[in-house]
Amino acid sequence: MTLASTFESIGCEVKRNFPMDKYTWLRVGGEADLLVTPQDMDQFKKSLDALTSSGTNWVVLGEGSNTIVYDRGITGVVLSTKKLKKIQILEDHKVIAETGAILGTILNKTVKAALTGFEFAAGIPGTVGGGVFMNAGANEGEIKDVVDRLWVWVEGEEIQLSKKTIKFEYRKAHLPPGSVVLKAMFVLKQGSRAESERSVKEYMEKRNETQPITMTNTGSIFKNPAEMAAGQLLEELGLKGYGIGGAKFSELHANFIVNCGGATAADVLSLIETAKQEALSKRRITLETEVRVIGDKN
C-alpha cells in the first residue's frame, strides 16, 4: 500500500502535486508531493503515526498565514489542520480549541459569551497550532497570557503540558522537540460583551489603517528587535515600498511584504535578505524573521 493510499484508508483527503501558492497567504511556492487533510482529530493522530513510521519528509501546516514555501516546492507530505477547528466553551471560563481553530474565531465566540482576555488576538492571522508555537501576540497581549495547558503529539504519544512546564518568550514557545500541537486550553475571565466588542473594534480599526490587509501578504516579516519596531527600522533604512520582482515592502507598513502579482518565493526571500544586510551594515541590528520558510531550498 502506498503512503497516499494509507492516508485515504484512514479517511483523509489526499491531493497529489498540490501547488502551494494556492495554500499560503502570500501566494508563492512550488508543489507539494502530497497535501493530506484529516477530517477529524482521530484521523490527524493516525496520520501522524503513519508519517512517523514511513521515513518520509513531512510538515504540519495550518492556514499558511506566516509561511513561505520555496519555489521548488515540498518533497514529501504537507499535513493540513484546516478541518480541525472544534472550539468548546466550558465552565470556569475555560475554552478548548483544536490545533486548526482560527484565533479570530475563538475571539468571536468568547466575546459573544462575555468572556474577556482574548481581545489581543483581533486581526492576528493563523491558528491555535501556529499561534502557540510562535507565542503569537498583538495589542499588548500574547498567547502565553491565556493558555493553561496543551495537548501535544510527540514520538507517537499524546501528552499534556501545563503552562508552568512551557518556557515562553517573545514569538516563541519551547516545546519538546518534534511536538505537534493537538489542542489547547485557554482560561479567560468573565467580562462585558459590550466592552470587549469596543476594544476589538478599536484594535481592528487601527490595524486596517496601518497594515496592508487588502493586499496579499503573510503578516509581520520580522520580529521587533530590542532597539525599535521592525517597521520603523525598515522605513528609516529606506525600504518602505522597495520591491524585487513581484514582491515589495508595503508602503503602508514596512514590516509587511506584499505580493503585487506574480511574485515568487525567491523575490520575497531576496527582500528579506536585503533588509537583514541593510540593518546589520547600517545600524548593526540583527533582524530575525517571524515567518517560517519551508520546503526544498535547492
C-alpha atoms as a PDB file:
ATOM      1  CA  MET A   1       0.000   0.000   0.000  1.00  0.00           C
ATOM      2  CA  THR A   2       1.372   3.420  -0.943  1.00  0.00           C
ATOM      3  CA  LEU A   3       1.556   6.209   1.599  1.00  0.00           C
ATOM      4  CA  ALA A   4      -1.188   8.094  -0.250  1.00  0.00           C
ATOM      5  CA  SER A   5      -3.396   5.006  -0.091  1.00  0.00           C
ATOM      6  CA  THR A   6      -2.708   4.733   3.635  1.00  0.00           C
ATOM      7  CA  PHE A   7      -3.995   8.251   4.200  1.00  0.00           C
ATOM      8  CA  GLU A   8      -7.036   7.574   2.032  1.00  0.00           C
ATOM      9  CA  SER A   9      -7.806   4.417   4.016  1.00  0.00           C
ATOM     10  CA  ILE A  10      -7.693   6.493   7.200  1.00  0.00           C
ATOM     11  CA  GLY A  11     -10.309   8.804   5.669  1.00  0.00           C
ATOM     12  CA  CYS A  12      -8.130  11.810   4.836  1.00  0.00           C
ATOM     13  CA  GLU A  13      -8.497  13.934   1.735  1.00  0.00           C
ATOM     14  CA  VAL A  14      -5.379  13.482  -0.406  1.00  0.00           C
ATOM     15  CA  LYS A  15      -4.216  15.760  -3.205  1.00  0.00           C
ATOM     16  CA  ARG A  16      -1.140  14.966  -5.266  1.00  0.00           C
ATOM     17  CA  ASN A  17       1.297  17.546  -6.673  1.00  0.00           C
ATOM     18  CA  PHE A  18      -0.571  20.345  -4.936  1.00  0.00           C
ATOM     19  CA  PRO A  19       0.534  23.942  -5.821  1.00  0.00           C
ATOM     20  CA  MET A  20       1.342  25.588  -2.502  1.00  0.00           C
ATOM     21  CA  ASP A  21       0.839  29.070  -3.954  1.00  0.00           C
ATOM     22  CA  LYS A  22      -2.867  28.232  -3.661  1.00  0.00           C
ATOM     23  CA  TYR A  23      -2.469  27.427   0.042  1.00  0.00           C
ATOM     24  CA  THR A  24      -0.265  30.082   1.620  1.00  0.00           C
ATOM     25  CA  TRP A  25      -1.469  33.624   2.209  1.00  0.00           C
ATOM     26  CA  LEU A  26       1.439  35.130   0.283  1.00  0.00           C
ATOM     27  CA  ARG A  27       0.567  33.006  -2.765  1.00  0.00           C
ATOM     28  CA  VAL A  28       4.089  31.822  -3.522  1.00  0.00           C
ATOM     29  CA  GLY A  29       5.748  28.401  -3.593  1.00  0.00           C
ATOM     30  CA  GLY A  30       6.045  25.266  -5.674  1.00  0.00           C
ATOM     31  CA  GLU A  31       4.174  21.969  -5.482  1.00  0.00           C
ATOM     32  CA  ALA A  32       3.940  19.582  -2.548  1.00  0.00           C
ATOM     33  CA  ASP A  33       4.121  15.879  -3.399  1.00  0.00           C
ATOM     34  CA  LEU A  34       1.081  15.213  -1.203  1.00  0.00           C
ATOM     35  CA  LEU A  35      -1.343  17.500   0.607  1.00  0.00           C
ATOM     36  CA  VAL A  36      -3.132  15.430   3.241  1.00  0.00           C
ATOM     37  CA  THR A  37      -6.146  16.817   5.096  1.00  0.00           C
ATOM     38  CA  PRO A  38      -7.517  14.764   8.020  1.00  0.00           C
ATOM     39  CA  GLN A  39     -11.226  15.314   8.649  1.00  0.00           C
ATOM     40  CA  ASP A  40     -11.049  14.981  12.444  1.00  0.00           C
ATOM     41  CA  MET A  41      -8.586  14.645  15.327  1.00  0.00           C
ATOM     42  CA  ASP A  42      -8.585  10.840  15.243  1.00  0.00           C
ATOM     43  CA  GLN A  43      -7.528  10.864  11.580  1.00  0.00           C
ATOM     44  CA  PHE A  44      -4.919  13.513  12.387  1.00  0.00           C
ATOM     45  CA  LYS A  45      -3.265  11.357  15.045  1.00  0.00           C
ATOM     46  CA  LYS A  46      -3.408   8.244  12.831  1.00  0.00           C
ATOM     47  CA  SER A  47      -1.772  10.272  10.042  1.00  0.00           C
ATOM     48  CA  LEU A  48       0.995  11.394  12.385  1.00  0.00           C
ATOM     49  CA  ASP A  49       1.617   7.782  13.361  1.00  0.00           C
ATOM     50  CA  ALA A  50       1.753   6.754   9.698  1.00  0.00           C
ATOM     51  CA  LEU A  51       4.186   9.537   8.854  1.00  0.00           C
ATOM     52  CA  THR A  52       6.493   8.720  11.746  1.00  0.00           C
ATOM     53  CA  SER A  53       6.867   5.112  10.619  1.00  0.00           C
ATOM     54  CA  SER A  54       7.160   5.998   6.912  1.00  0.00           C
ATOM     55  CA  GLY A  55      10.537   7.734   6.898  1.00  0.00           C
ATOM     56  CA  THR A  56       9.044  10.370   4.567  1.00  0.00           C
ATOM     57  CA  ASN A  57       9.680  14.081   4.963  1.00  0.00           C
ATOM     58  CA  TRP A  58       6.589  15.837   6.312  1.00  0.00           C
ATOM     59  CA  VAL A  59       5.426  19.123   7.749  1.00  0.00           C
ATOM     60  CA  VAL A  60       2.251  20.231   9.547  1.00  0.00           C
ATOM     61  CA  LEU A  61       0.600  23.373   8.209  1.00  0.00           C
ATOM     62  CA  GLY A  62      -2.400  25.385   9.365  1.00  0.00           C
ATOM     63  CA  GLU A  63      -3.744  28.369   7.461  1.00  0.00           C
ATOM     64  CA  GLY A  64      -0.345  29.161   5.917  1.00  0.00           C
ATOM     65  CA  SER A  65      -0.579  32.766   7.065  1.00  0.00           C
ATOM     66  CA  ASN A  66       3.005  33.177   8.255  1.00  0.00           C
ATOM     67  CA  THR A  67       4.632  30.670   5.921  1.00  0.00           C
ATOM     68  CA  ILE A  68       6.759  30.935   2.805  1.00  0.00           C
ATOM     69  CA  VAL A  69       7.215  27.843   0.641  1.00  0.00           C
ATOM     70  CA  TYR A  70      10.298  27.646  -1.574  1.00  0.00           C
ATOM     71  CA  ASP A  71       9.727  27.779  -5.331  1.00  0.00           C
ATOM     72  CA  ARG A  72      10.976  24.205  -5.684  1.00  0.00           C
ATOM     73  CA  GLY A  73       8.069  23.057  -3.535  1.00  0.00           C
ATOM     74  CA  ILE A  74       7.964  20.385  -0.840  1.00  0.00           C
ATOM     75  CA  THR A  75       9.241  16.856  -1.236  1.00  0.00           C
ATOM     76  CA  GLY A  76       7.059  14.654   0.937  1.00  0.00           C
ATOM     77  CA  VAL A  77       3.824  15.352   2.772  1.00  0.00           C
ATOM     78  CA  VAL A  78       2.073  18.506   3.930  1.00  0.00           C
ATOM     79  CA  LEU A  79      -0.351  17.554   6.711  1.00  0.00           C
ATOM     80  CA  SER A  80      -3.063  20.195   6.887  1.00  0.00           C
ATOM     81  CA  THR A  81      -5.000  21.086  10.047  1.00  0.00           C
ATOM     82  CA  LYS A  82      -7.645  23.119   8.211  1.00  0.00           C
ATOM     83  CA  LYS A  83     -10.504  20.782   9.219  1.00  0.00           C
ATOM     84  CA  LEU A  84      -9.510  20.594  12.908  1.00  0.00           C
ATOM     85  CA  LYS A  85     -11.436  23.619  14.125  1.00  0.00           C
ATOM     86  CA  LYS A  86     -13.562  22.478  17.070  1.00  0.00           C
ATOM     87  CA  ILE A  87     -13.964  25.038  19.855  1.00  0.00           C
ATOM     88  CA  GLN A  88     -15.623  24.268  23.203  1.00  0.00           C
ATOM     89  CA  ILE A  89     -16.521  26.837  25.842  1.00  0.00           C
ATOM     90  CA  LEU A  90     -16.574  25.115  29.230  1.00  0.00           C
ATOM     91  CA  GLU A  91     -17.410  26.138  32.769  1.00  0.00           C
ATOM     92  CA  ASP A  92     -14.995  28.274  34.807  1.00  0.00           C
ATOM     93  CA  HIS A  93     -14.287  30.461  31.743  1.00  0.00           C
ATOM     94  CA  LYS A  94     -12.243  27.743  30.041  1.00  0.00           C
ATOM     95  CA  VAL A  95     -12.011  27.251  26.292  1.00  0.00           C
ATOM     96  CA  ILE A  96     -10.611  24.182  24.499  1.00  0.00           C
ATOM     97  CA  ALA A  97      -9.721  24.592  20.827  1.00  0.00           C
ATOM     98  CA  GLU A  98      -8.250  22.194  18.302  1.00  0.00           C
ATOM     99  CA  THR A  99      -4.982  22.987  16.568  1.00  0.00           C
ATOM    100  CA  GLY A 100      -6.625  24.209  13.357  1.00  0.00           C
ATOM    101  CA  ALA A 101      -9.067  26.564  15.080  1.00  0.00           C
ATOM    102  CA  ILE A 102      -8.587  30.125  13.819  1.00  0.00           C
ATOM    103  CA  LEU A 103      -7.654  32.618  16.522  1.00  0.00           C
ATOM    104  CA  GLY A 104     -10.177  35.131  15.216  1.00  0.00           C
ATOM    105  CA  THR A 105     -12.981  32.573  15.513  1.00  0.00           C
ATOM    106  CA  ILE A 106     -12.050  31.865  19.130  1.00  0.00           C
ATOM    107  CA  LEU A 107     -12.128  35.611  19.749  1.00  0.00           C
ATOM    108  CA  ASN A 108     -15.586  35.976  18.218  1.00  0.00           C
ATOM    109  CA  LYS A 109     -17.033  33.067  20.211  1.00  0.00           C
ATOM    110  CA  THR A 110     -15.563  34.179  23.525  1.00  0.00           C
ATOM    111  CA  VAL A 111     -16.686  37.784  23.092  1.00  0.00           C
ATOM    112  CA  LYS A 112     -20.233  36.578  22.404  1.00  0.00           C
ATOM    113  CA  ALA A 113     -20.008  34.503  25.596  1.00  0.00           C
ATOM    114  CA  ALA A 114     -18.977  37.654  27.540  1.00  0.00           C
ATOM    115  CA  LEU A 115     -15.508  36.269  28.227  1.00  0.00           C
ATOM    116  CA  THR A 116     -12.545  38.625  28.205  1.00  0.00           C
ATOM    117  CA  GLY A 117      -8.825  38.078  27.713  1.00  0.00           C
ATOM    118  CA  PHE A 118      -8.627  37.025  24.066  1.00  0.00           C
ATOM    119  CA  GLU A 119      -9.151  40.500  22.604  1.00  0.00           C
ATOM    120  CA  PHE A 120      -5.427  40.825  21.853  1.00  0.00           C
ATOM    121  CA  ALA A 121      -5.935  38.319  19.014  1.00  0.00           C
ATOM    122  CA  ALA A 122      -8.040  40.770  16.994  1.00  0.00           C
ATOM    123  CA  GLY A 123      -6.645  40.692  13.475  1.00  0.00           C
ATOM    124  CA  ILE A 124      -3.941  38.102  14.162  1.00  0.00           C
ATOM    125  CA  PRO A 125      -3.927  35.613  11.267  1.00  0.00           C
ATOM    126  CA  GLY A 126      -3.423  31.951  11.892  1.00  0.00           C
ATOM    127  CA  THR A 127      -4.478  29.047  14.071  1.00  0.00           C
ATOM    128  CA  VAL A 128      -4.039  27.641  17.560  1.00  0.00           C
ATOM    129  CA  GLY A 129      -1.142  25.412  16.497  1.00  0.00           C
ATOM    130  CA  GLY A 130       0.865  28.154  14.845  1.00  0.00           C
ATOM    131  CA  GLY A 131      -0.183  30.695  17.457  1.00  0.00           C
ATOM    132  CA  VAL A 132       1.128  28.522  20.271  1.00  0.00           C
ATOM    133  CA  PHE A 133       4.404  27.690  18.512  1.00  0.00           C
ATOM    134  CA  MET A 134       5.230  31.352  17.924  1.00  0.00           C
ATOM    135  CA  ASN A 135       3.535  32.714  21.043  1.00  0.00           C
ATOM    136  CA  ALA A 136       1.529  34.954  18.737  1.00  0.00           C
ATOM    137  CA  GLY A 137       0.663  38.363  20.072  1.00  0.00           C
ATOM    138  CA  ALA A 138      -0.518  41.889  19.364  1.00  0.00           C
ATOM    139  CA  ASN A 139      -2.371  44.681  21.107  1.00  0.00           C
ATOM    140  CA  GLU A 140      -0.267  44.259  24.263  1.00  0.00           C
ATOM    141  CA  GLY A 141      -1.155  40.594  24.709  1.00  0.00           C
ATOM    142  CA  GLU A 142       0.230  37.153  23.826  1.00  0.00           C
ATOM    143  CA  ILE A 143      -0.912  33.532  23.740  1.00  0.00           C
ATOM    144  CA  LYS A 144       1.075  32.815  26.905  1.00  0.00           C
ATOM    145  CA  ASP A 145      -1.193  35.215  28.808  1.00  0.00           C
ATOM    146  CA  VAL A 146      -4.237  32.979  28.330  1.00  0.00           C
ATOM    147  CA  VAL A 147      -3.028  29.434  27.644  1.00  0.00           C
ATOM    148  CA  ASP A 148      -3.431  26.987  30.529  1.00  0.00           C
ATOM    149  CA  ARG A 149      -2.391  23.661  29.032  1.00  0.00           C
ATOM    150  CA  LEU A 150      -1.585  21.966  25.750  1.00  0.00           C
ATOM    151  CA  TRP A 151      -2.156  18.521  24.322  1.00  0.00           C
ATOM    152  CA  VAL A 152       0.712  17.632  22.006  1.00  0.00           C
ATOM    153  CA  TRP A 153       1.679  14.610  19.951  1.00  0.00           C
ATOM    154  CA  VAL A 154       5.333  13.680  20.351  1.00  0.00           C
ATOM    155  CA  GLU A 155       7.101  10.438  19.417  1.00  0.00           C
ATOM    156  CA  GLY A 156       3.829   8.633  18.820  1.00  0.00           C
ATOM    157  CA  GLU A 157       2.252   9.615  22.125  1.00  0.00           C
ATOM    158  CA  GLU A 158      -0.272  12.239  23.189  1.00  0.00           C
ATOM    159  CA  ILE A 159       0.847  14.121  26.291  1.00  0.00           C
ATOM    160  CA  GLN A 160      -0.394  17.097  28.281  1.00  0.00           C
ATOM    161  CA  LEU A 161       1.802  20.074  29.061  1.00  0.00           C
ATOM    162  CA  SER A 162       0.830  22.588  31.730  1.00  0.00           C
ATOM    163  CA  LYS A 163       1.691  26.238  31.254  1.00  0.00           C
ATOM    164  CA  LYS A 164       4.302  26.142  34.013  1.00  0.00           C
ATOM    165  CA  THR A 165       6.257  23.460  32.128  1.00  0.00           C
ATOM    166  CA  ILE A 166       6.459  25.541  28.918  1.00  0.00           C
ATOM    167  CA  LYS A 167       9.002  28.308  28.545  1.00  0.00           C
ATOM    168  CA  PHE A 168       7.500  31.128  26.504  1.00  0.00           C
ATOM    169  CA  GLU A 169       9.476  34.023  25.097  1.00  0.00           C
ATOM    170  CA  TYR A 170       8.881  36.713  22.508  1.00  0.00           C
ATOM    171  CA  ARG A 171       7.376  34.961  19.467  1.00  0.00           C
ATOM    172  CA  LYS A 172       8.465  31.513  20.605  1.00  0.00           C
ATOM    173  CA  ALA A 173       7.327  28.614  22.767  1.00  0.00           C
ATOM    174  CA  HIS A 174       9.826  25.967  23.849  1.00  0.00           C
ATOM    175  CA  LEU A 175       8.032  22.657  23.322  1.00  0.00           C
ATOM    176  CA  PRO A 176       9.546  19.155  23.319  1.00  0.00           C
ATOM    177  CA  PRO A 177      11.444  18.510  20.053  1.00  0.00           C
ATOM    178  CA  GLY A 178       9.180  17.131  17.348  1.00  0.00           C
ATOM    179  CA  SER A 179       5.999  18.229  19.112  1.00  0.00           C
ATOM    180  CA  VAL A 180       2.784  18.714  17.162  1.00  0.00           C
ATOM    181  CA  VAL A 181       0.067  20.712  18.920  1.00  0.00           C
ATOM    182  CA  LEU A 182      -3.252  18.829  19.015  1.00  0.00           C
ATOM    183  CA  LYS A 183      -5.334  21.255  21.075  1.00  0.00           C
ATOM    184  CA  ALA A 184      -5.036  23.932  23.724  1.00  0.00           C
ATOM    185  CA  MET A 185      -6.966  25.082  26.756  1.00  0.00           C
ATOM    186  CA  PHE A 186      -7.290  28.798  27.423  1.00  0.00           C
ATOM    187  CA  VAL A 187      -8.516  30.344  30.663  1.00  0.00           C
ATOM    188  CA  LEU A 188     -10.289  33.674  30.334  1.00  0.00           C
ATOM    189  CA  LYS A 189     -12.320  35.874  32.687  1.00  0.00           C
ATOM    190  CA  GLN A 190     -15.920  36.950  32.951  1.00  0.00           C
ATOM    191  CA  GLY A 191     -16.271  40.278  31.204  1.00  0.00           C
ATOM    192  CA  SER A 192     -18.587  42.636  29.395  1.00  0.00           C
ATOM    193  CA  ARG A 193     -19.504  41.745  25.823  1.00  0.00           C
ATOM    194  CA  ALA A 194     -20.000  45.430  25.004  1.00  0.00           C
ATOM    195  CA  GLU A 195     -16.584  46.424  26.370  1.00  0.00           C
ATOM    196  CA  SER A 196     -14.861  43.551  24.556  1.00  0.00           C
ATOM    197  CA  GLU A 197     -16.585  44.440  21.290  1.00  0.00           C
ATOM    198  CA  ARG A 198     -15.490  48.041  21.712  1.00  0.00           C
ATOM    199  CA  SER A 199     -11.862  47.003  22.276  1.00  0.00           C
ATOM    200  CA  VAL A 200     -11.888  44.670  19.282  1.00  0.00           C
ATOM    201  CA  LYS A 201     -13.380  47.388  17.102  1.00  0.00           C
ATOM    202  CA  GLU A 202     -10.616  49.809  18.125  1.00  0.00           C
ATOM    203  CA  TYR A 203      -7.889  47.211  17.502  1.00  0.00           C
ATOM    204  CA  MET A 204      -9.292  46.358  14.067  1.00  0.00           C
ATOM    205  CA  GLU A 205      -9.693  49.990  13.030  1.00  0.00           C
ATOM    206  CA  LYS A 206      -6.054  50.645  13.924  1.00  0.00           C
ATOM    207  CA  ARG A 207      -4.931  47.528  12.069  1.00  0.00           C
ATOM    208  CA  ASN A 208      -6.937  48.499   8.989  1.00  0.00           C
ATOM    209  CA  GLU A 209      -5.361  51.946   8.975  1.00  0.00           C
ATOM    210  CA  THR A 210      -1.774  50.801   9.453  1.00  0.00           C
ATOM    211  CA  GLN A 211      -1.464  47.403   7.747  1.00  0.00           C
ATOM    212  CA  PRO A 212      -1.962  46.273   4.124  1.00  0.00           C
ATOM    213  CA  ILE A 213      -4.831  43.904   4.885  1.00  0.00           C
ATOM    214  CA  THR A 214      -6.382  44.308   1.434  1.00  0.00           C
ATOM    215  CA  MET A 215      -3.226  43.049  -0.289  1.00  0.00           C
ATOM    216  CA  THR A 216      -1.808  39.525  -0.397  1.00  0.00           C
ATOM    217  CA  ASN A 217       0.701  39.314   2.459  1.00  0.00           C
ATOM    218  CA  THR A 218       2.000  36.978   5.120  1.00  0.00           C
ATOM    219  CA  GLY A 219       1.751  39.082   8.268  1.00  0.00           C
ATOM    220  CA  SER A 220       4.744  40.634  10.000  1.00  0.00           C
ATOM    221  CA  ILE A 221       8.013  39.554   8.417  1.00  0.00           C
ATOM    222  CA  PHE A 222      10.471  40.374  11.203  1.00  0.00           C
ATOM    223  CA  LYS A 223      10.369  40.186  14.965  1.00  0.00           C
ATOM    224  CA  ASN A 224      10.803  43.572  16.604  1.00  0.00           C
ATOM    225  CA  PRO A 225      14.458  43.948  17.649  1.00  0.00           C
ATOM    226  CA  ALA A 226      15.234  45.369  21.086  1.00  0.00           C
ATOM    227  CA  GLU A 227      16.230  48.735  19.628  1.00  0.00           C
ATOM    228  CA  MET A 228      12.934  49.662  17.907  1.00  0.00           C
ATOM    229  CA  ALA A 229       9.948  48.351  15.984  1.00  0.00           C
ATOM    230  CA  ALA A 230      10.991  46.443  12.864  1.00  0.00           C
ATOM    231  CA  GLY A 231       8.681  48.519  10.668  1.00  0.00           C
ATOM    232  CA  GLN A 232      10.248  51.753  11.877  1.00  0.00           C
ATOM    233  CA  LEU A 233      13.739  50.401  11.274  1.00  0.00           C
ATOM    234  CA  LEU A 234      12.914  49.294   7.728  1.00  0.00           C
ATOM    235  CA  GLU A 235      11.342  52.662   6.983  1.00  0.00           C
ATOM    236  CA  GLU A 236      14.430  54.501   8.278  1.00  0.00           C
ATOM    237  CA  LEU A 237      16.566  52.274   6.046  1.00  0.00           C
ATOM    238  CA  GLY A 238      14.548  53.459   3.049  1.00  0.00           C
ATOM    239  CA  LEU A 239      12.983  50.076   2.339  1.00  0.00           C
ATOM    240  CA  LYS A 240       9.333  51.086   2.596  1.00  0.00           C
ATOM    241  CA  GLY A 241       7.886  50.453  -0.874  1.00  0.00           C
ATOM    242  CA  TYR A 242      11.115  48.826  -2.091  1.00  0.00           C
ATOM    243  CA  GLY A 243      10.462  45.858  -4.349  1.00  0.00           C
ATOM    244  CA  ILE A 244      12.101  42.936  -6.087  1.00  0.00           C
ATOM    245  CA  GLY A 245      10.204  41.191  -8.865  1.00  0.00           C
ATOM    246  CA  GLY A 246       6.547  40.900  -7.902  1.00  0.00           C
ATOM    247  CA  ALA A 247       7.109  41.471  -4.175  1.00  0.00           C
ATOM    248  CA  LYS A 248       7.717  44.634  -2.191  1.00  0.00           C
ATOM    249  CA  PHE A 249       7.774  46.020   1.317  1.00  0.00           C
ATOM    250  CA  SER A 250       4.378  47.581   1.889  1.00  0.00           C
ATOM    251  CA  GLU A 251       4.074  51.321   1.504  1.00  0.00           C
ATOM    252  CA  LEU A 252       1.623  51.268   4.402  1.00  0.00           C
ATOM    253  CA  HIS A 253       3.715  49.254   6.861  1.00  0.00           C
ATOM    254  CA  ALA A 254       7.303  48.373   6.021  1.00  0.00           C
ATOM    255  CA  ASN A 255       7.320  45.155   8.073  1.00  0.00           C
ATOM    256  CA  PHE A 256       4.872  43.560   5.644  1.00  0.00           C
ATOM    257  CA  ILE A 257       5.848  42.110   2.284  1.00  0.00           C
ATOM    258  CA  VAL A 258       3.041  42.142  -0.260  1.00  0.00           C
ATOM    259  CA  ASN A 259       2.591  40.167  -3.455  1.00  0.00           C
ATOM    260  CA  CYS A 260       1.849  42.722  -6.162  1.00  0.00           C
ATOM    261  CA  GLY A 261       1.172  39.948  -8.656  1.00  0.00           C
ATOM    262  CA  GLY A 262       3.396  37.168  -9.930  1.00  0.00           C
ATOM    263  CA  ALA A 263       5.810  37.247  -7.008  1.00  0.00           C
ATOM    264  CA  THR A 264       7.999  34.211  -6.399  1.00  0.00           C
ATOM    265  CA  ALA A 265       9.380  32.896  -3.141  1.00  0.00           C
ATOM    266  CA  ALA A 266      12.808  33.924  -4.438  1.00  0.00           C
ATOM    267  CA  ASP A 267      11.587  37.540  -4.745  1.00  0.00           C
ATOM    268  CA  VAL A 268      10.307  37.507  -1.165  1.00  0.00           C
ATOM    269  CA  LEU A 269      13.425  35.868   0.250  1.00  0.00           C
ATOM    270  CA  SER A 270      15.639  38.337  -1.619  1.00  0.00           C
ATOM    271  CA  LEU A 271      13.748  41.197   0.033  1.00  0.00           C
ATOM    272  CA  ILE A 272      14.199  39.586   3.437  1.00  0.00           C
ATOM    273  CA  GLU A 273      17.925  39.124   2.866  1.00  0.00           C
ATOM    274  CA  THR A 274      18.299  42.700   1.633  1.00  0.00           C
ATOM    275  CA  ALA A 275      16.646  44.012   4.800  1.00  0.00           C
ATOM    276  CA  LYS A 276      18.837  41.858   7.035  1.00  0.00           C
ATOM    277  CA  GLN A 277      22.011  43.077   5.316  1.00  0.00           C
ATOM    278  CA  GLU A 278      20.955  46.732   5.422  1.00  0.00           C
ATOM    279  CA  ALA A 279      20.008  46.560   9.100  1.00  0.00           C
ATOM    280  CA  LEU A 280      23.277  44.902  10.017  1.00  0.00           C
ATOM    281  CA  SER A 281      25.604  47.046   7.914  1.00  0.00           C
ATOM    282  CA  LYS A 282      23.969  50.428   8.556  1.00  0.00           C
ATOM    283  CA  ARG A 283      22.577  50.038  12.072  1.00  0.00           C
ATOM    284  CA  ARG A 284      24.361  46.977  13.470  1.00  0.00           C
ATOM    285  CA  ILE A 285      20.982  45.409  14.205  1.00  0.00           C
ATOM    286  CA  THR A 286      20.344  41.724  13.553  1.00  0.00           C
ATOM    287  CA  LEU A 287      16.847  41.113  12.233  1.00  0.00           C
ATOM    288  CA  GLU A 288      15.118  37.787  12.886  1.00  0.00           C
ATOM    289  CA  THR A 289      12.237  36.582  10.771  1.00  0.00           C
ATOM    290  CA  GLU A 290       8.824  35.923  12.262  1.00  0.00           C
ATOM    291  CA  VAL A 291       7.694  33.920   9.217  1.00  0.00           C
ATOM    292  CA  ARG A 292       8.514  30.251   8.675  1.00  0.00           C
ATOM    293  CA  VAL A 293      10.231  29.129   5.456  1.00  0.00           C
ATOM    294  CA  ILE A 294       9.610  25.510   4.451  1.00  0.00           C
ATOM    295  CA  GLY A 295      10.253  23.153   1.548  1.00  0.00           C
ATOM    296  CA  ASP A 296      13.131  22.381  -0.784  1.00  0.00           C
ATOM    297  CA  LYS A 297      15.675  25.179  -0.866  1.00  0.00           C
ATOM    298  CA  ASN A 298      17.806  23.626  -3.573  1.00  0.00           C
END
